[in-house]
Amino acid sequence: MNFLKPIFKAGLIAGTLDILAAIIILGKMNYAGTLKFIASGVFGPEAFAGGPEMIIAGLIFHYLIALAFTASWFYIYPLLPSVKTNWILSGFVIGILVWVIMNLGVLPLTNVSRSGLTLHGALLNMSILIVCIGLPVSYFSHHFFEKKED
């Protein structure tokens, strides 16, 4: 049970950094539109016509996704000895993996309306995921397991 606290902490920090980047950089400061876009993954285009309930749903979905990726990384971390050597490099790997899983696996299964992938868009989104999710999750997992080994 002692792993739940660092997973929750890392997931909340990563989720917060990521949603702030999404709102500021991708959503051009439109928090409602950004969160409704996330909610549209489940509720489809109707999410954009919704009110505060869709904003809250988008925020909940966003944090659930961030926590799921964080918990997954904490689970597989001990199984990958090579990631223990450099948490920064691991952060890059996590960010890229999150982008690949979300864009090629998850989003095609949702109701999100998507424009085509561009190199610029992919690199921008990967960069955000590396900095906002990959590095914090890698840092927390590295330090959690490092303390465990002592």
N, C-alpha and C. Protein backbone atom coordinates (compact mmCIF):
# COMPACT_ATOMS: atom_id res chain seq x y z
N MET A 1 0.81 -1.20 0.00
CA MET A 1 0.00 0.00 0.00
C MET A 1 0.86 1.26 0.00
N ASN A 2 2.12 1.16 0.39
CA ASN A 2 2.95 2.36 0.46
C ASN A 2 3.27 2.93 -0.91
N PHE A 3 2.93 2.23 -1.98
CA PHE A 3 3.17 2.74 -3.32
C PHE A 3 2.01 3.62 -3.82
N LEU A 4 0.86 3.58 -3.15
CA LEU A 4 -0.28 4.37 -3.60
C LEU A 4 -0.04 5.87 -3.46
N LYS A 5 0.61 6.28 -2.39
CA LYS A 5 0.87 7.70 -2.18
C LYS A 5 1.76 8.29 -3.28
N PRO A 6 2.90 7.67 -3.61
CA PRO A 6 3.72 8.25 -4.69
C PRO A 6 3.04 8.17 -6.06
N ILE A 7 2.24 7.13 -6.29
CA ILE A 7 1.51 7.05 -7.56
C ILE A 7 0.50 8.19 -7.64
N PHE A 8 -0.24 8.39 -6.56
CA PHE A 8 -1.24 9.45 -6.53
C PHE A 8 -0.57 10.83 -6.67
N LYS A 9 0.51 11.03 -5.94
CA LYS A 9 1.22 12.31 -6.00
C LYS A 9 1.78 12.56 -7.40
N ALA A 10 2.46 11.58 -7.96
CA ALA A 10 3.03 11.73 -9.31
C ALA A 10 1.93 11.91 -10.34
N GLY A 11 0.84 11.15 -10.22
CA GLY A 11 -0.26 11.26 -11.17
C GLY A 11 -0.93 12.62 -11.12
N LEU A 12 -1.13 13.16 -9.91
CA LEU A 12 -1.74 14.48 -9.78
C LEU A 12 -0.83 15.58 -10.32
N ILE A 13 0.45 15.48 -10.03
CA ILE A 13 1.39 16.49 -10.55
C ILE A 13 1.46 16.41 -12.06
N ALA A 14 1.63 15.20 -12.60
CA ALA A 14 1.71 15.03 -14.05
C ALA A 14 0.41 15.46 -14.72
N GLY A 15 -0.71 15.06 -14.15
CA GLY A 15 -2.01 15.44 -14.71
C GLY A 15 -2.21 16.94 -14.71
N THR A 16 -1.80 17.59 -13.63
CA THR A 16 -1.94 19.05 -13.52
C THR A 16 -1.05 19.76 -14.53
N LEU A 17 0.21 19.35 -14.61
CA LEU A 17 1.12 19.96 -15.59
C LEU A 17 0.60 19.76 -17.01
N ASP A 18 0.13 18.56 -17.30
CA ASP A 18 -0.34 18.25 -18.64
C ASP A 18 -1.60 19.04 -19.00
N ILE A 19 -2.56 19.14 -18.08
CA ILE A 19 -3.78 19.88 -18.42
C ILE A 19 -3.48 21.37 -18.54
N LEU A 20 -2.57 21.88 -17.72
CA LEU A 20 -2.19 23.29 -17.87
C LEU A 20 -1.54 23.54 -19.22
N ALA A 21 -0.66 22.64 -19.64
CA ALA A 21 -0.03 22.79 -20.96
C ALA A 21 -1.07 22.69 -22.06
N ALA A 22 -2.00 21.76 -21.90
CA ALA A 22 -3.05 21.60 -22.92
C ALA A 22 -3.90 22.87 -23.02
N ILE A 23 -4.24 23.44 -21.88
CA ILE A 23 -5.07 24.65 -21.88
C ILE A 23 -4.30 25.85 -22.42
N ILE A 24 -3.06 26.01 -21.97
CA ILE A 24 -2.28 27.20 -22.34
C ILE A 24 -1.75 27.11 -23.77
N ILE A 25 -1.14 25.98 -24.11
CA ILE A 25 -0.46 25.87 -25.40
C ILE A 25 -1.41 25.41 -26.50
N LEU A 26 -2.14 24.34 -26.25
CA LEU A 26 -2.99 23.77 -27.29
C LEU A 26 -4.37 24.42 -27.34
N GLY A 27 -4.92 24.74 -26.18
CA GLY A 27 -6.27 25.28 -26.11
C GLY A 27 -6.34 26.79 -26.14
N LYS A 28 -5.18 27.44 -26.26
CA LYS A 28 -5.10 28.90 -26.33
C LYS A 28 -5.90 29.55 -25.19
N MET A 29 -5.69 29.04 -23.97
CA MET A 29 -6.29 29.56 -22.74
C MET A 29 -7.78 29.28 -22.61
N ASN A 30 -8.33 28.41 -23.43
CA ASN A 30 -9.75 28.09 -23.36
C ASN A 30 -9.91 26.81 -22.52
N TYR A 31 -9.98 26.97 -21.21
CA TYR A 31 -10.06 25.80 -20.33
C TYR A 31 -11.34 25.01 -20.57
N ALA A 32 -12.46 25.71 -20.76
CA ALA A 32 -13.73 25.01 -20.94
C ALA A 32 -13.71 24.18 -22.22
N GLY A 33 -13.23 24.76 -23.30
CA GLY A 33 -13.16 24.04 -24.56
C GLY A 33 -12.23 22.85 -24.50
N THR A 34 -11.09 23.03 -23.81
CA THR A 34 -10.13 21.93 -23.67
C THR A 34 -10.74 20.78 -22.89
N LEU A 35 -11.38 21.09 -21.78
CA LEU A 35 -11.96 20.03 -20.95
C LEU A 35 -13.19 19.39 -21.60
N LYS A 36 -13.96 20.17 -22.33
CA LYS A 36 -15.08 19.60 -23.07
C LYS A 36 -14.58 18.69 -24.20
N PHE A 37 -13.45 19.06 -24.81
CA PHE A 37 -12.85 18.20 -25.83
C PHE A 37 -12.51 16.84 -25.23
N ILE A 38 -11.94 16.85 -24.03
CA ILE A 38 -11.62 15.58 -23.36
C ILE A 38 -12.90 14.80 -23.09
N ALA A 39 -13.93 15.48 -22.60
CA ALA A 39 -15.21 14.82 -22.31
C ALA A 39 -15.84 14.26 -23.59
N SER A 40 -15.55 14.89 -24.73
CA SER A 40 -16.14 14.43 -25.99
C SER A 40 -15.65 13.03 -26.37
N GLY A 41 -14.57 12.59 -25.77
CA GLY A 41 -14.11 11.23 -26.02
C GLY A 41 -15.17 10.21 -25.63
N VAL A 42 -15.92 10.51 -24.58
CA VAL A 42 -16.98 9.62 -24.12
C VAL A 42 -18.34 10.08 -24.64
N PHE A 43 -18.58 11.38 -24.55
CA PHE A 43 -19.92 11.89 -24.84
C PHE A 43 -20.12 12.39 -26.27
N GLY A 44 -19.07 12.37 -27.07
CA GLY A 44 -19.17 12.82 -28.46
C GLY A 44 -19.35 14.32 -28.56
N PRO A 45 -19.79 14.78 -29.73
CA PRO A 45 -19.93 16.23 -29.97
C PRO A 45 -20.88 16.93 -29.00
N GLU A 46 -21.79 16.17 -28.38
CA GLU A 46 -22.72 16.76 -27.42
C GLU A 46 -21.99 17.39 -26.23
N ALA A 47 -20.78 16.94 -25.97
CA ALA A 47 -20.01 17.50 -24.84
C ALA A 47 -19.78 19.00 -25.01
N PHE A 48 -19.62 19.45 -26.25
CA PHE A 48 -19.35 20.87 -26.49
C PHE A 48 -20.57 21.75 -26.20
N ALA A 49 -21.75 21.16 -26.27
CA ALA A 49 -22.97 21.91 -25.96
C ALA A 49 -23.28 21.87 -24.47
N GLY A 50 -22.60 21.02 -23.74
CA GLY A 50 -22.85 20.87 -22.31
C GLY A 50 -22.28 22.03 -21.52
N GLY A 51 -22.58 22.03 -20.27
CA GLY A 51 -22.12 23.09 -19.38
C GLY A 51 -21.05 22.60 -18.43
N PRO A 52 -21.15 23.05 -17.19
CA PRO A 52 -20.12 22.70 -16.19
C PRO A 52 -19.96 21.20 -15.99
N GLU A 53 -21.03 20.44 -16.19
CA GLU A 53 -20.93 18.98 -16.01
C GLU A 53 -19.94 18.36 -16.99
N MET A 54 -19.86 18.90 -18.21
CA MET A 54 -18.91 18.37 -19.20
C MET A 54 -17.49 18.82 -18.88
N ILE A 55 -17.35 20.01 -18.34
CA ILE A 55 -16.03 20.49 -17.92
C ILE A 55 -15.50 19.60 -16.80
N ILE A 56 -16.37 19.31 -15.84
CA ILE A 56 -15.98 18.44 -14.71
C ILE A 56 -15.69 17.02 -15.21
N ALA A 57 -16.52 16.51 -16.11
CA ALA A 57 -16.28 15.17 -16.66
C ALA A 57 -14.93 15.12 -17.38
N GLY A 58 -14.62 16.13 -18.17
CA GLY A 58 -13.34 16.18 -18.86
C GLY A 58 -12.18 16.20 -17.89
N LEU A 59 -12.31 16.95 -16.81
CA LEU A 59 -11.25 17.01 -15.80
C LEU A 59 -11.07 15.67 -15.11
N ILE A 60 -12.18 15.02 -14.78
CA ILE A 60 -12.11 13.70 -14.14
C ILE A 60 -11.47 12.68 -15.09
N PHE A 61 -11.91 12.67 -16.34
CA PHE A 61 -11.33 11.74 -17.31
C PHE A 61 -9.83 11.98 -17.47
N HIS A 62 -9.46 13.26 -17.53
CA HIS A 62 -8.04 13.60 -17.70
C HIS A 62 -7.20 13.04 -16.55
N TYR A 63 -7.65 13.29 -15.32
CA TYR A 63 -6.88 12.79 -14.17
C TYR A 63 -6.90 11.27 -14.07
N LEU A 64 -7.99 10.64 -14.44
CA LEU A 64 -8.03 9.18 -14.44
C LEU A 64 -7.01 8.60 -15.42
N ILE A 65 -6.91 9.23 -16.58
CA ILE A 65 -5.93 8.79 -17.58
C ILE A 65 -4.51 8.99 -17.05
N ALA A 66 -4.25 10.17 -16.48
CA ALA A 66 -2.91 10.45 -15.94
C ALA A 66 -2.56 9.46 -14.83
N LEU A 67 -3.51 9.18 -13.97
CA LEU A 67 -3.25 8.21 -12.89
C LEU A 67 -3.08 6.80 -13.42
N ALA A 68 -3.80 6.44 -14.47
CA ALA A 68 -3.65 5.11 -15.06
C ALA A 68 -2.26 4.93 -15.67
N PHE A 69 -1.78 5.95 -16.38
CA PHE A 69 -0.43 5.86 -16.94
C PHE A 69 0.62 5.82 -15.82
N THR A 70 0.41 6.60 -14.78
CA THR A 70 1.35 6.62 -13.67
C THR A 70 1.40 5.27 -12.97
N ALA A 71 0.23 4.72 -12.66
CA ALA A 71 0.19 3.42 -12.00
C ALA A 71 0.80 2.33 -12.87
N SER A 72 0.55 2.40 -14.17
CA SER A 72 1.13 1.42 -15.10
C SER A 72 2.65 1.48 -15.08
N TRP A 73 3.19 2.69 -15.07
CA TRP A 73 4.65 2.84 -15.06
C TRP A 73 5.22 2.31 -13.75
N PHE A 74 4.60 2.62 -12.63
CA PHE A 74 5.07 2.11 -11.34
C PHE A 74 5.03 0.59 -11.33
N TYR A 75 4.07 0.01 -12.01
CA TYR A 75 3.95 -1.45 -12.06
C TYR A 75 5.07 -2.07 -12.90
N ILE A 76 5.36 -1.49 -14.06
CA ILE A 76 6.36 -2.11 -14.94
C ILE A 76 7.79 -1.67 -14.63
N TYR A 77 7.96 -0.61 -13.87
CA TYR A 77 9.31 -0.10 -13.56
C TYR A 77 10.24 -1.18 -13.02
N PRO A 78 9.83 -1.96 -12.02
CA PRO A 78 10.76 -2.99 -11.51
C PRO A 78 11.10 -4.07 -12.52
N LEU A 79 10.28 -4.21 -13.55
CA LEU A 79 10.51 -5.25 -14.55
C LEU A 79 11.48 -4.83 -15.64
N LEU A 80 11.85 -3.55 -15.65
CA LEU A 80 12.72 -3.00 -16.70
C LEU A 80 14.00 -2.45 -16.08
N PRO A 81 15.01 -3.29 -15.91
CA PRO A 81 16.23 -2.83 -15.25
C PRO A 81 16.92 -1.66 -15.96
N SER A 82 16.76 -1.57 -17.26
CA SER A 82 17.45 -0.51 -18.00
C SER A 82 16.92 0.89 -17.67
N VAL A 83 15.68 1.01 -17.20
CA VAL A 83 15.12 2.33 -16.90
C VAL A 83 15.65 2.89 -15.59
N LYS A 84 16.25 2.05 -14.78
CA LYS A 84 16.74 2.49 -13.48
C LYS A 84 18.02 3.31 -13.57
N THR A 85 18.67 3.29 -14.71
CA THR A 85 19.96 3.97 -14.81
C THR A 85 19.84 5.47 -15.05
N ASN A 86 18.79 5.91 -15.71
CA ASN A 86 18.67 7.33 -16.04
C ASN A 86 17.20 7.74 -16.07
N TRP A 87 16.76 8.42 -15.01
CA TRP A 87 15.35 8.78 -14.92
C TRP A 87 14.95 9.80 -15.99
N ILE A 88 15.88 10.62 -16.44
CA ILE A 88 15.55 11.62 -17.47
C ILE A 88 15.28 10.92 -18.80
N LEU A 89 16.13 9.98 -19.17
CA LEU A 89 15.91 9.21 -20.39
C LEU A 89 14.60 8.42 -20.28
N SER A 90 14.34 7.87 -19.11
CA SER A 90 13.08 7.15 -18.89
C SER A 90 11.88 8.07 -19.06
N GLY A 91 12.02 9.32 -18.63
CA GLY A 91 10.95 10.30 -18.81
C GLY A 91 10.63 10.53 -20.28
N PHE A 92 11.67 10.56 -21.11
CA PHE A 92 11.44 10.70 -22.55
C PHE A 92 10.69 9.49 -23.09
N VAL A 93 11.10 8.30 -22.64
CA VAL A 93 10.44 7.07 -23.08
C VAL A 93 8.97 7.08 -22.67
N ILE A 94 8.70 7.46 -21.43
CA ILE A 94 7.31 7.50 -20.95
C ILE A 94 6.48 8.46 -21.79
N GLY A 95 6.99 9.67 -22.00
CA GLY A 95 6.25 10.67 -22.78
C GLY A 95 5.93 10.19 -24.19
N ILE A 96 6.89 9.57 -24.83
CA ILE A 96 6.67 9.05 -26.19
C ILE A 96 5.68 7.88 -26.17
N LEU A 97 5.82 7.00 -25.17
CA LEU A 97 4.88 5.88 -25.05
C LEU A 97 3.45 6.37 -24.82
N VAL A 98 3.30 7.38 -23.97
CA VAL A 98 1.96 7.92 -23.73
C VAL A 98 1.38 8.48 -25.02
N TRP A 99 2.21 9.20 -25.78
CA TRP A 99 1.73 9.76 -27.06
C TRP A 99 1.30 8.63 -28.00
N VAL A 100 2.12 7.60 -28.14
CA VAL A 100 1.82 6.49 -29.05
C VAL A 100 0.54 5.78 -28.61
N ILE A 101 0.45 5.46 -27.33
CA ILE A 101 -0.73 4.74 -26.83
C ILE A 101 -1.99 5.57 -27.01
N MET A 102 -1.92 6.85 -26.66
CA MET A 102 -3.11 7.70 -26.76
C MET A 102 -3.51 7.94 -28.22
N ASN A 103 -2.55 8.30 -29.06
CA ASN A 103 -2.88 8.69 -30.43
C ASN A 103 -3.13 7.53 -31.38
N LEU A 104 -2.47 6.42 -31.15
CA LEU A 104 -2.63 5.29 -32.06
C LEU A 104 -3.51 4.18 -31.48
N GLY A 105 -3.73 4.21 -30.16
CA GLY A 105 -4.52 3.17 -29.54
C GLY A 105 -5.83 3.65 -28.97
N VAL A 106 -5.78 4.64 -28.09
CA VAL A 106 -6.97 5.05 -27.35
C VAL A 106 -7.87 5.99 -28.15
N LEU A 107 -7.33 7.10 -28.62
CA LEU A 107 -8.16 8.10 -29.29
C LEU A 107 -8.95 7.57 -30.49
N PRO A 108 -8.39 6.68 -31.31
CA PRO A 108 -9.20 6.13 -32.40
C PRO A 108 -10.44 5.36 -31.93
N LEU A 109 -10.46 4.93 -30.68
CA LEU A 109 -11.59 4.19 -30.14
C LEU A 109 -12.63 5.09 -29.47
N THR A 110 -12.34 6.40 -29.42
CA THR A 110 -13.24 7.33 -28.73
C THR A 110 -14.08 8.10 -29.74
N ASN A 111 -14.91 9.00 -29.21
CA ASN A 111 -15.74 9.87 -30.03
C ASN A 111 -15.07 11.20 -30.35
N VAL A 112 -13.81 11.37 -30.00
CA VAL A 112 -13.11 12.63 -30.22
C VAL A 112 -12.98 12.88 -31.72
N SER A 113 -13.36 14.10 -32.12
CA SER A 113 -13.15 14.47 -33.53
C SER A 113 -11.69 14.87 -33.67
N ARG A 114 -11.02 14.29 -34.64
CA ARG A 114 -9.58 14.50 -34.78
C ARG A 114 -9.25 15.01 -36.16
N SER A 115 -8.30 15.92 -36.18
CA SER A 115 -7.75 16.31 -37.47
C SER A 115 -6.58 15.39 -37.75
N GLY A 116 -6.07 15.43 -38.95
CA GLY A 116 -4.97 14.54 -39.31
C GLY A 116 -3.71 14.82 -38.51
N LEU A 117 -2.90 13.81 -38.35
CA LEU A 117 -1.62 13.96 -37.66
C LEU A 117 -0.64 14.71 -38.56
N THR A 118 0.06 15.65 -37.95
CA THR A 118 1.14 16.34 -38.65
C THR A 118 2.41 16.14 -37.85
N LEU A 119 3.53 16.27 -38.49
CA LEU A 119 4.80 16.13 -37.78
C LEU A 119 4.92 17.19 -36.70
N HIS A 120 4.58 18.43 -37.04
CA HIS A 120 4.65 19.51 -36.05
C HIS A 120 3.75 19.23 -34.85
N GLY A 121 2.52 18.83 -35.11
CA GLY A 121 1.59 18.53 -34.03
C GLY A 121 2.05 17.37 -33.18
N ALA A 122 2.55 16.33 -33.82
CA ALA A 122 3.03 15.16 -33.09
C ALA A 122 4.21 15.52 -32.20
N LEU A 123 5.17 16.28 -32.74
CA LEU A 123 6.34 16.66 -31.95
C LEU A 123 5.98 17.60 -30.81
N LEU A 124 5.06 18.52 -31.05
CA LEU A 124 4.61 19.42 -29.99
C LEU A 124 3.93 18.62 -28.87
N ASN A 125 3.03 17.74 -29.24
CA ASN A 125 2.33 16.94 -28.24
C ASN A 125 3.27 15.99 -27.51
N MET A 126 4.20 15.38 -28.22
CA MET A 126 5.18 14.51 -27.56
C MET A 126 6.03 15.30 -26.57
N SER A 127 6.43 16.50 -26.97
CA SER A 127 7.24 17.35 -26.08
C SER A 127 6.48 17.68 -24.80
N ILE A 128 5.21 18.03 -24.95
CA ILE A 128 4.39 18.32 -23.77
C ILE A 128 4.29 17.09 -22.89
N LEU A 129 4.05 15.93 -23.47
CA LEU A 129 3.91 14.71 -22.69
C LEU A 129 5.22 14.30 -22.02
N ILE A 130 6.33 14.52 -22.69
CA ILE A 130 7.64 14.21 -22.08
C ILE A 130 7.86 15.09 -20.86
N VAL A 131 7.67 16.40 -21.03
CA VAL A 131 7.94 17.35 -19.93
C VAL A 131 6.90 17.23 -18.82
N CYS A 132 5.65 17.14 -19.17
CA CYS A 132 4.58 17.22 -18.18
C CYS A 132 4.20 15.88 -17.55
N ILE A 133 4.35 14.80 -18.27
CA ILE A 133 4.00 13.49 -17.71
C ILE A 133 5.24 12.61 -17.54
N GLY A 134 6.01 12.45 -18.61
CA GLY A 134 7.14 11.54 -18.57
C GLY A 134 8.15 11.84 -17.48
N LEU A 135 8.63 13.08 -17.44
CA LEU A 135 9.67 13.41 -16.46
C LEU A 135 9.17 13.36 -15.01
N PRO A 136 8.00 13.92 -14.70
CA PRO A 136 7.55 13.79 -13.30
C PRO A 136 7.30 12.34 -12.88
N VAL A 137 6.67 11.57 -13.73
CA VAL A 137 6.38 10.18 -13.37
C VAL A 137 7.68 9.39 -13.22
N SER A 138 8.60 9.62 -14.12
CA SER A 138 9.88 8.93 -14.04
C SER A 138 10.64 9.33 -12.77
N TYR A 139 10.64 10.61 -12.45
CA TYR A 139 11.32 11.10 -11.26
C TYR A 139 10.76 10.44 -10.00
N PHE A 140 9.43 10.47 -9.86
CA PHE A 140 8.81 9.90 -8.67
C PHE A 140 9.00 8.40 -8.59
N SER A 141 8.88 7.69 -9.70
CA SER A 141 9.06 6.24 -9.66
C SER A 141 10.51 5.89 -9.35
N HIS A 142 11.45 6.61 -9.95
CA HIS A 142 12.87 6.36 -9.70
C HIS A 142 13.19 6.54 -8.21
N HIS A 143 12.73 7.64 -7.64
CA HIS A 143 13.04 7.90 -6.23
C HIS A 143 12.28 6.96 -5.29
N PHE A 144 11.09 6.56 -5.65
CA PHE A 144 10.36 5.60 -4.82
C PHE A 144 11.09 4.27 -4.77
N PHE A 145 11.48 3.75 -5.92
CA PHE A 145 12.13 2.44 -5.95
C PHE A 145 13.56 2.51 -5.45
N GLU A 146 14.21 3.65 -5.61
CA GLU A 146 15.56 3.82 -5.07
C GLU A 146 15.53 3.73 -3.54
N LYS A 147 14.55 4.37 -2.91
CA LYS A 147 14.41 4.31 -1.46
C LYS A 147 14.06 2.91 -1.00
N LYS A 148 13.26 2.21 -1.80
CA LYS A 148 12.85 0.85 -1.45
C LYS A 148 14.04 -0.10 -1.40
N GLU A 149 15.02 0.14 -2.28
CA GLU A 149 16.19 -0.75 -2.35
C GLU A 149 17.18 -0.50 -1.23
N ASP A 150 17.08 0.66 -0.59
CA ASP A 150 18.02 0.97 0.52
C ASP A 150 17.71 0.22 1.77
